Amino acid sequence: MGKKVALNVFYNIIIFLCLLFIYKGFELARYEYVLAGAFIGGVFITLKLKLIKEVKSSQKP
């Protein structure tokens, strides 16, 4: 279970960094940064949702 908690924290950090990357991309008018940040953020959000679903299903009796 500790590995899953660490993985969840890692996903949260990456998603936060992607949001900062998207913000800076808009600020600097570098839309390729926005696209890359949105894509990578979307991948990690999907992985986080799968992890949450896996943890919920393992806790049910």
PDB file of N, CA and C in Angstrom:
ATOM      1  N   MET A   1       0.817  -1.187   0.000  1.00  0.00           N
ATOM      2  CA  MET A   1       0.000   0.000   0.000  1.00  0.00           C
ATOM      3  C   MET A   1       0.869   1.262   0.000  1.00  0.00           C
ATOM      4  N   GLY A   2       2.037   1.191   0.622  1.00  0.00           N
ATOM      5  CA  GLY A   2       2.935   2.338   0.661  1.00  0.00           C
ATOM      6  C   GLY A   2       3.407   2.751  -0.716  1.00  0.00           C
ATOM      7  N   LYS A   3       3.592   1.758  -1.595  1.00  0.00           N
ATOM      8  CA  LYS A   3       4.017   2.061  -2.962  1.00  0.00           C
ATOM      9  C   LYS A   3       2.934   2.832  -3.704  1.00  0.00           C
ATOM     10  N   LYS A   4       1.681   2.465  -3.449  1.00  0.00           N
ATOM     11  CA  LYS A   4       0.577   3.140  -4.121  1.00  0.00           C
ATOM     12  C   LYS A   4       0.419   4.575  -3.620  1.00  0.00           C
ATOM     13  N   VAL A   5       0.663   4.797  -2.357  1.00  0.00           N
ATOM     14  CA  VAL A   5       0.606   6.156  -1.811  1.00  0.00           C
ATOM     15  C   VAL A   5       1.717   7.006  -2.426  1.00  0.00           C
ATOM     16  N   ALA A   6       2.910   6.440  -2.511  1.00  0.00           N
ATOM     17  CA  ALA A   6       4.034   7.164  -3.116  1.00  0.00           C
ATOM     18  C   ALA A   6       3.758   7.450  -4.594  1.00  0.00           C
ATOM     19  N   LEU A   7       3.164   6.490  -5.292  1.00  0.00           N
ATOM     20  CA  LEU A   7       2.830   6.676  -6.694  1.00  0.00           C
ATOM     21  C   LEU A   7       1.776   7.769  -6.854  1.00  0.00           C
ATOM     22  N   ASN A   8       0.812   7.814  -5.950  1.00  0.00           N
ATOM     23  CA  ASN A   8      -0.213   8.854  -5.983  1.00  0.00           C
ATOM     24  C   ASN A   8       0.406  10.235  -5.764  1.00  0.00           C
ATOM     25  N   VAL A   9       1.322  10.341  -4.829  1.00  0.00           N
ATOM     26  CA  VAL A   9       2.009  11.617  -4.581  1.00  0.00           C
ATOM     27  C   VAL A   9       2.804  12.028  -5.811  1.00  0.00           C
ATOM     28  N   PHE A  10       3.490  11.079  -6.424  1.00  0.00           N
ATOM     29  CA  PHE A  10       4.254  11.354  -7.643  1.00  0.00           C
ATOM     30  C   PHE A  10       3.340  11.861  -8.754  1.00  0.00           C
ATOM     31  N   TYR A  11       2.188  11.212  -8.943  1.00  0.00           N
ATOM     32  CA  TYR A  11       1.236  11.649  -9.958  1.00  0.00           C
ATOM     33  C   TYR A  11       0.750  13.061  -9.669  1.00  0.00           C
ATOM     34  N   ASN A  12       0.474  13.370  -8.410  1.00  0.00           N
ATOM     35  CA  ASN A  12       0.021  14.717  -8.049  1.00  0.00           C
ATOM     36  C   ASN A  12       1.077  15.766  -8.377  1.00  0.00           C
ATOM     37  N   ILE A  13       2.324  15.465  -8.091  1.00  0.00           N
ATOM     38  CA  ILE A  13       3.410  16.408  -8.380  1.00  0.00           C
ATOM     39  C   ILE A  13       3.534  16.634  -9.880  1.00  0.00           C
ATOM     40  N   ILE A  14       3.488  15.566 -10.667  1.00  0.00           N
ATOM     41  CA  ILE A  14       3.601  15.694 -12.112  1.00  0.00           C
ATOM     42  C   ILE A  14       2.435  16.492 -12.693  1.00  0.00           C
ATOM     43  N   ILE A  15       1.223  16.239 -12.205  1.00  0.00           N
ATOM     44  CA  ILE A  15       0.051  16.973 -12.685  1.00  0.00           C
ATOM     45  C   ILE A  15       0.176  18.453 -12.341  1.00  0.00           C
ATOM     46  N   PHE A  16       0.650  18.767 -11.147  1.00  0.00           N
ATOM     47  CA  PHE A  16       0.856  20.158 -10.758  1.00  0.00           C
ATOM     48  C   PHE A  16       1.905  20.831 -11.645  1.00  0.00           C
ATOM     49  N   LEU A  17       3.007  20.124 -11.921  1.00  0.00           N
ATOM     50  CA  LEU A  17       4.044  20.680 -12.790  1.00  0.00           C
ATOM     51  C   LEU A  17       3.534  20.893 -14.210  1.00  0.00           C
ATOM     52  N   CYS A  18       2.676  20.009 -14.680  1.00  0.00           N
ATOM     53  CA  CYS A  18       2.076  20.178 -16.007  1.00  0.00           C
ATOM     54  C   CYS A  18       1.195  21.431 -16.041  1.00  0.00           C
ATOM     55  N   LEU A  19       0.458  21.662 -14.970  1.00  0.00           N
ATOM     56  CA  LEU A  19      -0.367  22.868 -14.907  1.00  0.00           C
ATOM     57  C   LEU A  19       0.500  24.133 -14.937  1.00  0.00           C
ATOM     58  N   LEU A  20       1.614  24.105 -14.231  1.00  0.00           N
ATOM     59  CA  LEU A  20       2.537  25.246 -14.266  1.00  0.00           C
ATOM     60  C   LEU A  20       3.131  25.422 -15.658  1.00  0.00           C
ATOM     61  N   PHE A  21       3.442  24.303 -16.301  1.00  0.00           N
ATOM     62  CA  PHE A  21       4.006  24.311 -17.645  1.00  0.00           C
ATOM     63  C   PHE A  21       3.006  24.920 -18.630  1.00  0.00           C
ATOM     64  N   ILE A  22       1.746  24.556 -18.490  1.00  0.00           N
ATOM     65  CA  ILE A  22       0.697  25.100 -19.361  1.00  0.00           C
ATOM     66  C   ILE A  22       0.556  26.604 -19.123  1.00  0.00           C
ATOM     67  N   TYR A  23       0.561  27.008 -17.872  1.00  0.00           N
ATOM     68  CA  TYR A  23       0.443  28.435 -17.540  1.00  0.00           C
ATOM     69  C   TYR A  23       1.592  29.237 -18.141  1.00  0.00           C
ATOM     70  N   LYS A  24       2.814  28.738 -17.972  1.00  0.00           N
ATOM     71  CA  LYS A  24       3.974  29.439 -18.508  1.00  0.00           C
ATOM     72  C   LYS A  24       3.940  29.459 -20.030  1.00  0.00           C
ATOM     73  N   GLY A  25       3.439  28.387 -20.635  1.00  0.00           N
ATOM     74  CA  GLY A  25       3.322  28.348 -22.085  1.00  0.00           C
ATOM     75  C   GLY A  25       2.389  29.425 -22.603  1.00  0.00           C
ATOM     76  N   PHE A  26       1.261  29.627 -21.920  1.00  0.00           N
ATOM     77  CA  PHE A  26       0.352  30.702 -22.313  1.00  0.00           C
ATOM     78  C   PHE A  26       0.994  32.065 -22.096  1.00  0.00           C
ATOM     79  N   GLU A  27       1.686  32.193 -20.984  1.00  0.00           N
ATOM     80  CA  GLU A  27       2.314  33.472 -20.648  1.00  0.00           C
ATOM     81  C   GLU A  27       3.359  33.874 -21.683  1.00  0.00           C
ATOM     82  N   LEU A  28       4.120  32.894 -22.182  1.00  0.00           N
ATOM     83  CA  LEU A  28       5.182  33.159 -23.146  1.00  0.00           C
ATOM     84  C   LEU A  28       4.723  32.983 -24.595  1.00  0.00           C
ATOM     85  N   ALA A  29       3.451  32.676 -24.797  1.00  0.00           N
ATOM     86  CA  ALA A  29       2.873  32.426 -26.124  1.00  0.00           C
ATOM     87  C   ALA A  29       3.589  31.284 -26.834  1.00  0.00           C
ATOM     88  N   ARG A  30       3.996  30.259 -26.072  1.00  0.00           N
ATOM     89  CA  ARG A  30       4.619  29.063 -26.644  1.00  0.00           C
ATOM     90  C   ARG A  30       3.606  27.934 -26.554  1.00  0.00           C
ATOM     91  N   TYR A  31       2.800  27.822 -27.593  1.00  0.00           N
ATOM     92  CA  TYR A  31       1.662  26.912 -27.540  1.00  0.00           C
ATOM     93  C   TYR A  31       2.062  25.450 -27.673  1.00  0.00           C
ATOM     94  N   GLU A  32       3.276  25.191 -28.139  1.00  0.00           N
ATOM     95  CA  GLU A  32       3.752  23.801 -28.131  1.00  0.00           C
ATOM     96  C   GLU A  32       3.988  23.320 -26.701  1.00  0.00           C
ATOM     97  N   TYR A  33       4.356  24.237 -25.806  1.00  0.00           N
ATOM     98  CA  TYR A  33       4.487  23.886 -24.396  1.00  0.00           C
ATOM     99  C   TYR A  33       3.122  23.574 -23.791  1.00  0.00           C
ATOM    100  N   VAL A  34       2.131  24.363 -24.194  1.00  0.00           N
ATOM    101  CA  VAL A  34       0.766  24.140 -23.708  1.00  0.00           C
ATOM    102  C   VAL A  34       0.276  22.777 -24.161  1.00  0.00           C
ATOM    103  N   LEU A  35       0.498  22.451 -25.427  1.00  0.00           N
ATOM    104  CA  LEU A  35       0.063  21.167 -25.966  1.00  0.00           C
ATOM    105  C   LEU A  35       0.774  20.009 -25.270  1.00  0.00           C
ATOM    106  N   ALA A  36       2.077  20.133 -25.085  1.00  0.00           N
ATOM    107  CA  ALA A  36       2.834  19.071 -24.404  1.00  0.00           C
ATOM    108  C   ALA A  36       2.380  18.917 -22.956  1.00  0.00           C
ATOM    109  N   GLY A  37       2.188  20.016 -22.260  1.00  0.00           N
ATOM    110  CA  GLY A  37       1.736  19.967 -20.871  1.00  0.00           C
ATOM    111  C   GLY A  37       0.351  19.360 -20.748  1.00  0.00           C
ATOM    112  N   ALA A  38      -0.528  19.700 -21.684  1.00  0.00           N
ATOM    113  CA  ALA A  38      -1.888  19.154 -21.648  1.00  0.00           C
ATOM    114  C   ALA A  38      -1.872  17.652 -21.932  1.00  0.00           C
ATOM    115  N   PHE A  39      -1.057  17.229 -22.879  1.00  0.00           N
ATOM    116  CA  PHE A  39      -0.985  15.804 -23.210  1.00  0.00           C
ATOM    117  C   PHE A  39      -0.418  14.995 -22.050  1.00  0.00           C
ATOM    118  N   ILE A  40       0.709  15.435 -21.520  1.00  0.00           N
ATOM    119  CA  ILE A  40       1.345  14.713 -20.415  1.00  0.00           C
ATOM    120  C   ILE A  40       0.456  14.745 -19.178  1.00  0.00           C
ATOM    121  N   GLY A  41      -0.154  15.894 -18.902  1.00  0.00           N
ATOM    122  CA  GLY A  41      -1.081  15.987 -17.780  1.00  0.00           C
ATOM    123  C   GLY A  41      -2.264  15.043 -17.939  1.00  0.00           C
ATOM    124  N   GLY A  42      -2.799  14.948 -19.149  1.00  0.00           N
ATOM    125  CA  GLY A  42      -3.904  14.034 -19.415  1.00  0.00           C
ATOM    126  C   GLY A  42      -3.528  12.588 -19.193  1.00  0.00           C
ATOM    127  N   VAL A  43      -2.317  12.219 -19.604  1.00  0.00           N
ATOM    128  CA  VAL A  43      -1.840  10.844 -19.390  1.00  0.00           C
ATOM    129  C   VAL A  43      -1.752  10.547 -17.899  1.00  0.00           C
ATOM    130  N   PHE A  44      -1.195  11.463 -17.129  1.00  0.00           N
ATOM    131  CA  PHE A  44      -1.033  11.222 -15.702  1.00  0.00           C
ATOM    132  C   PHE A  44      -2.359  11.289 -14.943  1.00  0.00           C
ATOM    133  N   ILE A  45      -3.300  12.098 -15.413  1.00  0.00           N
ATOM    134  CA  ILE A  45      -4.629  12.097 -14.798  1.00  0.00           C
ATOM    135  C   ILE A  45      -5.302  10.754 -15.026  1.00  0.00           C
ATOM    136  N   THR A  46      -5.150  10.207 -16.246  1.00  0.00           N
ATOM    137  CA  THR A  46      -5.712   8.886 -16.538  1.00  0.00           C
ATOM    138  C   THR A  46      -5.085   7.817 -15.658  1.00  0.00           C
ATOM    139  N   LEU A  47      -3.761   7.859 -15.498  1.00  0.00           N
ATOM    140  CA  LEU A  47      -3.081   6.884 -14.640  1.00  0.00           C
ATOM    141  C   LEU A  47      -3.527   7.028 -13.185  1.00  0.00           C
ATOM    142  N   LYS A  48      -3.717   8.270 -12.738  1.00  0.00           N
ATOM    143  CA  LYS A  48      -4.165   8.504 -11.364  1.00  0.00           C
ATOM    144  C   LYS A  48      -5.566   7.944 -11.141  1.00  0.00           C
ATOM    145  N   LEU A  49      -6.466   8.134 -12.106  1.00  0.00           N
ATOM    146  CA  LEU A  49      -7.817   7.594 -11.985  1.00  0.00           C
ATOM    147  C   LEU A  49      -7.806   6.071 -11.943  1.00  0.00           C
ATOM    148  N   LYS A  50      -6.945   5.453 -12.745  1.00  0.00           N
ATOM    149  CA  LYS A  50      -6.833   3.989 -12.710  1.00  0.00           C
ATOM    150  C   LYS A  50      -6.305   3.522 -11.358  1.00  0.00           C
ATOM    151  N   LEU A  51      -5.347   4.252 -10.796  1.00  0.00           N
ATOM    152  CA  LEU A  51      -4.795   3.905  -9.490  1.00  0.00           C
ATOM    153  C   LEU A  51      -5.864   4.025  -8.406  1.00  0.00           C
ATOM    154  N   ILE A  52      -6.656   5.082  -8.451  1.00  0.00           N
ATOM    155  CA  ILE A  52      -7.718   5.268  -7.462  1.00  0.00           C
ATOM    156  C   ILE A  52      -8.740   4.142  -7.565  1.00  0.00           C
ATOM    157  N   LYS A  53      -9.093   3.788  -8.790  1.00  0.00           N
ATOM    158  CA  LYS A  53     -10.061   2.694  -8.995  1.00  0.00           C
ATOM    159  C   LYS A  53      -9.501   1.377  -8.475  1.00  0.00           C
ATOM    160  N   GLU A  54      -8.210   1.132  -8.694  1.00  0.00           N
ATOM    161  CA  GLU A  54      -7.566  -0.099  -8.217  1.00  0.00           C
ATOM    162  C   GLU A  54      -7.546  -0.154  -6.693  1.00  0.00           C
ATOM    163  N   VAL A  55      -7.252   0.968  -6.043  1.00  0.00           N
ATOM    164  CA  VAL A  55      -7.201   1.018  -4.584  1.00  0.00           C
ATOM    165  C   VAL A  55      -8.595   0.806  -4.004  1.00  0.00           C
ATOM    166  N   LYS A  56      -9.603   1.422  -4.598  1.00  0.00           N
ATOM    167  CA  LYS A  56     -10.974   1.245  -4.113  1.00  0.00           C
ATOM    168  C   LYS A  56     -11.432  -0.205  -4.258  1.00  0.00           C
ATOM    169  N   SER A  57     -11.096  -0.852  -5.367  1.00  0.00           N
ATOM    170  CA  SER A  57     -11.535  -2.226  -5.568  1.00  0.00           C
ATOM    171  C   SER A  57     -10.789  -3.198  -4.645  1.00  0.00           C
ATOM    172  N   SER A  58      -9.561  -2.874  -4.273  1.00  0.00           N
ATOM    173  CA  SER A  58      -8.806  -3.769  -3.375  1.00  0.00           C
ATOM    174  C   SER A  58      -9.273  -3.636  -1.926  1.00  0.00           C
ATOM    175  N   GLN A  59      -9.934  -2.540  -1.572  1.00  0.00           N
ATOM    176  CA  GLN A  59     -10.397  -2.332  -0.208  1.00  0.00           C
ATOM    177  C   GLN A  59     -11.754  -2.958   0.063  1.00  0.00           C
ATOM    178  N   LYS A  60     -12.485  -3.284  -0.986  1.00  0.00           N
ATOM    179  CA  LYS A  60     -13.811  -3.887  -0.783  1.00  0.00           C
ATOM    180  C   LYS A  60     -13.647  -5.322  -0.305  1.00  0.00           C
ATOM    181  N   PRO A  61     -14.489  -5.749   0.642  1.00  0.00           N
ATOM    182  CA  PRO A  61     -14.362  -7.118   1.187  1.00  0.00           C
ATOM    183  C   PRO A  61     -14.787  -8.185   0.206  1.00  0.00           C
TER     184      PRO A  61
END
